[in-house]
């Protein structure tokens, strides 16, 4: 008898504990609405650009416009959040690439950047107008410097490759994605494959002088949503 009571009490306590640790329904609704709003914003901004309205975003998300404004005070705040998330994804990809020890971290980062460009291409112009994060820029520049040096040391790229060369490749890949839009959204992958093949080629890469750090800093002093590379 005591065993049965003990078991029943244990089950009740376990159930109560699970209920206590489960997020309240209101919190789950808020999280769900947050993701709906962001998904809708990506679609609407991609279609209408700067002319997109909060009302249109709310309708696409299936929520009231008041719900959107409770989460985001303005359209600018909503775009800022999209930018923050895009930058966070790129920085996470950079950290993952830096954690690799096989000399392929640079390639992994370049592929992650290409994917990011493709995912945000339809509204990238809006992200590029936002204020930049100097700390994120420094982290990306450092990651590219380290990954380029590691790849050269591991023999996965030509030792003559510089971080400046990689940065220019990132700009070119971004420009390609924006130019082709939805006509050939996967074209960047073939472009990158060809560039990587060239980067692995032995012997002198070019007789031209690579861009200096000073030149690069003048051209692109910041990283913005993975859309400026460095």
Protein backbone atom coordinates (compact mmCIF):
# COMPACT_ATOMS: atom_id res chain seq x y z
CA UNK A 1 0.00 0.00 0.00
CA UNK A 2 2.74 2.42 0.93
CA UNK A 3 4.56 1.60 -2.30
CA UNK A 4 1.48 2.42 -4.38
CA UNK A 5 0.98 5.72 -2.57
CA UNK A 6 4.61 6.58 -2.98
CA UNK A 7 4.53 5.82 -6.70
CA UNK A 8 1.35 7.84 -7.21
CA UNK A 9 2.76 10.78 -5.29
CA UNK A 10 5.94 10.59 -7.34
CA UNK A 11 3.98 10.68 -10.59
CA UNK A 12 1.94 13.64 -9.40
CA UNK A 13 5.07 15.49 -8.35
CA UNK A 14 6.68 14.74 -11.72
CA UNK A 15 3.63 16.01 -13.57
CA UNK A 16 3.46 19.15 -11.46
CA UNK A 17 7.16 19.76 -12.03
CA UNK A 18 6.74 19.40 -15.79
CA UNK A 19 3.85 21.85 -15.73
CA UNK A 20 5.85 24.31 -13.71
CA UNK A 21 8.73 24.17 -16.19
CA UNK A 22 6.50 24.42 -19.28
CA UNK A 23 6.32 27.95 -20.71
CA UNK A 24 2.97 29.65 -20.16
CA UNK A 25 0.57 29.60 -23.10
CA UNK A 26 0.84 33.37 -23.41
CA UNK A 27 4.61 33.09 -23.73
CA UNK A 28 4.32 30.38 -26.38
CA UNK A 29 1.87 32.55 -28.32
CA UNK A 30 4.26 35.50 -28.13
CA UNK A 31 7.16 33.42 -29.45
CA UNK A 32 5.01 32.01 -32.25
CA UNK A 33 3.81 35.48 -33.24
CA UNK A 34 7.37 36.80 -33.19
CA UNK A 35 8.47 34.19 -35.72
CA UNK A 36 5.36 34.70 -37.82
CA UNK A 37 5.96 38.43 -37.97
CA UNK A 38 9.60 37.99 -38.98
CA UNK A 39 8.70 35.48 -41.70
CA UNK A 40 5.99 37.77 -43.01
CA UNK A 41 8.33 40.78 -42.91
CA UNK A 42 10.91 38.95 -45.03
CA UNK A 43 8.27 38.17 -47.63
CA UNK A 44 6.63 41.59 -47.71
CA UNK A 45 9.90 43.53 -47.62
CA UNK A 46 11.16 41.34 -50.43
CA UNK A 47 8.10 42.18 -52.48
CA UNK A 48 7.54 45.85 -51.62
CA UNK A 49 10.88 47.04 -50.29
CA UNK A 50 10.84 50.27 -48.31
CA UNK A 51 7.20 50.81 -49.27
CA UNK A 52 6.07 47.79 -47.24
CA UNK A 53 3.63 48.67 -44.46
CA UNK A 54 3.26 47.26 -40.99
CA UNK A 55 -0.40 46.58 -41.79
CA UNK A 56 0.59 44.42 -44.74
CA UNK A 57 3.14 42.56 -42.63
CA UNK A 58 0.54 41.96 -39.90
CA UNK A 59 -1.98 40.63 -42.44
CA UNK A 60 0.60 38.28 -43.94
CA UNK A 61 1.55 37.06 -40.46
CA UNK A 62 -2.09 36.47 -39.55
CA UNK A 63 -1.95 38.75 -36.51
CA UNK A 64 -3.38 42.14 -35.65
CA UNK A 65 -1.29 45.19 -36.43
CA UNK A 66 -1.35 45.99 -32.72
CA UNK A 67 0.48 42.73 -32.08
CA UNK A 68 3.20 43.78 -34.50
CA UNK A 69 3.58 47.21 -32.89
CA UNK A 70 3.71 45.70 -29.40
CA UNK A 71 6.73 43.71 -30.50
CA UNK A 72 8.30 46.29 -32.82
CA UNK A 73 7.72 49.99 -32.25
CA UNK A 74 8.26 50.83 -35.92
CA UNK A 75 9.18 49.34 -39.28
CA UNK A 76 12.73 50.49 -38.67
CA UNK A 77 12.81 48.46 -35.45
CA UNK A 78 11.58 45.42 -37.36
CA UNK A 79 14.25 45.80 -40.02
CA UNK A 80 16.85 46.27 -37.28
CA UNK A 81 15.80 42.92 -35.83
CA UNK A 82 16.15 41.22 -39.21
CA UNK A 83 19.62 42.71 -39.48
CA UNK A 84 20.56 41.60 -35.97
CA UNK A 85 19.50 38.04 -36.71
CA UNK A 86 21.35 37.97 -40.04
CA UNK A 87 24.55 39.24 -38.42
CA UNK A 88 24.20 36.73 -35.58
CA UNK A 89 23.90 33.89 -38.11
CA UNK A 90 27.03 35.00 -39.94
CA UNK A 91 29.04 35.43 -36.75
CA UNK A 92 27.91 31.98 -35.61
CA UNK A 93 29.06 30.56 -38.94
CA UNK A 94 32.41 32.30 -38.46
CA UNK A 95 32.81 30.77 -35.00
CA UNK A 96 31.97 27.32 -36.36
CA UNK A 97 34.50 27.79 -39.15
CA UNK A 98 37.17 28.85 -36.66
CA UNK A 99 36.50 25.72 -34.61
CA UNK A 100 37.48 23.48 -37.52
CA UNK A 101 40.94 21.96 -37.58
CA UNK A 102 40.95 20.49 -41.10
CA UNK A 103 41.95 23.62 -42.98
CA UNK A 104 38.49 23.89 -44.54
CA UNK A 105 37.13 26.57 -42.24
CA UNK A 106 37.59 29.28 -44.87
CA UNK A 107 35.57 27.36 -47.43
CA UNK A 108 32.86 26.68 -44.83
CA UNK A 109 32.58 30.39 -44.04
CA UNK A 110 32.43 31.36 -47.71
CA UNK A 111 29.62 28.90 -48.32
CA UNK A 112 27.75 30.19 -45.27
CA UNK A 113 28.11 33.75 -46.56
CA UNK A 114 26.84 32.76 -49.98
CA UNK A 115 23.82 31.11 -48.43
CA UNK A 116 23.16 34.19 -46.32
CA UNK A 117 23.37 36.45 -49.36
CA UNK A 118 20.86 34.25 -51.18
CA UNK A 119 18.44 34.11 -48.25
CA UNK A 120 18.39 37.88 -47.73
CA UNK A 121 18.87 39.01 -51.32
CA UNK A 122 15.31 40.23 -51.86
CA UNK A 123 15.56 42.86 -49.13
CA UNK A 124 19.33 43.18 -48.74
CA UNK A 125 19.25 46.83 -49.82
CA UNK A 126 17.20 47.66 -46.72
CA UNK A 127 19.68 45.89 -44.43
CA UNK A 128 22.62 47.65 -46.01
CA UNK A 129 21.16 51.04 -45.08
CA UNK A 130 21.15 50.27 -41.37
CA UNK A 131 23.82 51.46 -38.93
CA UNK A 132 26.66 48.99 -38.67
CA UNK A 133 28.12 47.20 -35.68
CA UNK A 134 31.87 47.90 -35.40
CA UNK A 135 32.36 44.93 -33.06
CA UNK A 136 30.79 42.55 -35.59
CA UNK A 137 32.98 44.04 -38.31
CA UNK A 138 36.13 43.43 -36.28
CA UNK A 139 35.10 39.85 -35.54
CA UNK A 140 34.51 39.13 -39.23
CA UNK A 141 37.80 40.69 -40.30
CA UNK A 142 39.64 38.70 -37.66
CA UNK A 143 37.90 35.49 -38.70
CA UNK A 144 38.77 36.02 -42.38
CA UNK A 145 42.41 36.79 -41.51
CA UNK A 146 42.75 33.68 -39.33
CA UNK A 147 40.89 31.34 -41.65
CA UNK A 148 42.90 32.47 -44.67
CA UNK A 149 46.17 31.94 -42.80
CA UNK A 150 45.07 28.53 -41.53
CA UNK A 151 43.94 27.39 -44.97
CA UNK A 152 47.28 28.43 -46.47
CA UNK A 153 49.18 26.64 -43.70
CA UNK A 154 47.10 23.49 -44.18
CA UNK A 155 47.66 23.56 -47.93
CA UNK A 156 43.96 23.80 -48.79
CA UNK A 157 44.54 27.10 -50.63
CA UNK A 158 47.48 28.62 -52.45
CA UNK A 159 49.94 30.20 -49.95
CA UNK A 160 49.84 33.40 -51.97
CA UNK A 161 46.18 33.97 -51.17
CA UNK A 162 45.55 36.98 -48.91
CA UNK A 163 42.67 37.97 -46.68
CA UNK A 164 42.15 40.87 -49.08
CA UNK A 165 41.68 38.41 -51.94
CA UNK A 166 39.06 36.59 -49.90
CA UNK A 167 37.28 39.83 -49.07
CA UNK A 168 37.09 40.78 -52.74
CA UNK A 169 35.66 37.33 -53.50
CA UNK A 170 32.98 37.91 -50.86
CA UNK A 171 32.01 41.24 -52.44
CA UNK A 172 31.87 39.61 -55.88
CA UNK A 173 29.69 36.80 -54.60
CA UNK A 174 27.34 39.26 -52.94
CA UNK A 175 27.09 41.30 -56.12
CA UNK A 176 26.35 38.19 -58.16
CA UNK A 177 23.55 37.12 -55.84
CA UNK A 178 21.97 40.55 -55.96
CA UNK A 179 22.31 40.77 -59.75
CA UNK A 180 20.69 37.43 -60.57
CA UNK A 181 17.92 37.67 -57.98
CA UNK A 182 15.40 34.86 -58.40
CA UNK A 183 16.38 34.09 -61.99
CA UNK A 184 19.17 31.71 -60.94
CA UNK A 185 19.31 31.78 -57.13
CA UNK A 186 21.82 28.94 -56.90
CA UNK A 187 24.34 30.35 -59.38
CA UNK A 188 26.54 31.63 -56.55
CA UNK A 189 27.42 28.04 -55.65
CA UNK A 190 28.97 27.31 -59.05
CA UNK A 191 30.71 30.68 -58.97
CA UNK A 192 32.20 29.88 -55.57
CA UNK A 193 33.23 26.37 -56.63
CA UNK A 194 35.15 27.84 -59.58
CA UNK A 195 36.82 30.46 -57.37
CA UNK A 196 37.80 27.84 -54.80
CA UNK A 197 39.30 25.69 -57.53
CA UNK A 198 41.41 28.65 -58.60
CA UNK A 199 42.43 29.36 -55.02
CA UNK A 200 43.80 25.81 -54.73
CA UNK A 201 45.93 26.09 -57.88
CA UNK A 202 49.68 25.90 -57.16
CA UNK A 203 52.10 28.52 -58.37
CA UNK A 204 51.76 32.31 -58.53
CA UNK A 205 48.14 33.43 -58.40
CA UNK A 206 48.70 36.83 -60.01
CA UNK A 207 51.39 39.29 -60.88
CA UNK A 208 49.20 42.15 -59.64
CA UNK A 209 49.65 43.51 -56.14
CA UNK A 210 46.86 42.53 -53.71
CA UNK A 211 44.89 45.25 -51.98
CA UNK A 212 46.37 46.43 -48.71
CA UNK A 213 44.58 46.48 -45.38
CA UNK A 214 44.44 50.27 -45.63
CA UNK A 215 42.72 50.11 -49.00
CA UNK A 216 40.27 47.51 -47.78
CA UNK A 217 39.38 49.56 -44.72
CA UNK A 218 38.53 52.52 -46.92
CA UNK A 219 36.32 50.45 -49.19
CA UNK A 220 34.46 48.43 -46.58
CA UNK A 221 34.98 49.53 -42.99
CA UNK A 222 32.20 47.36 -41.65
CA UNK A 223 30.35 44.08 -41.83
CA UNK A 224 26.63 44.37 -42.42
CA UNK A 225 24.38 41.30 -42.24
CA UNK A 226 27.00 39.30 -44.02
CA UNK A 227 26.30 41.52 -47.01
CA UNK A 228 29.51 43.51 -46.86
CA UNK A 229 31.78 40.69 -45.91
CA UNK A 230 34.17 42.84 -43.88
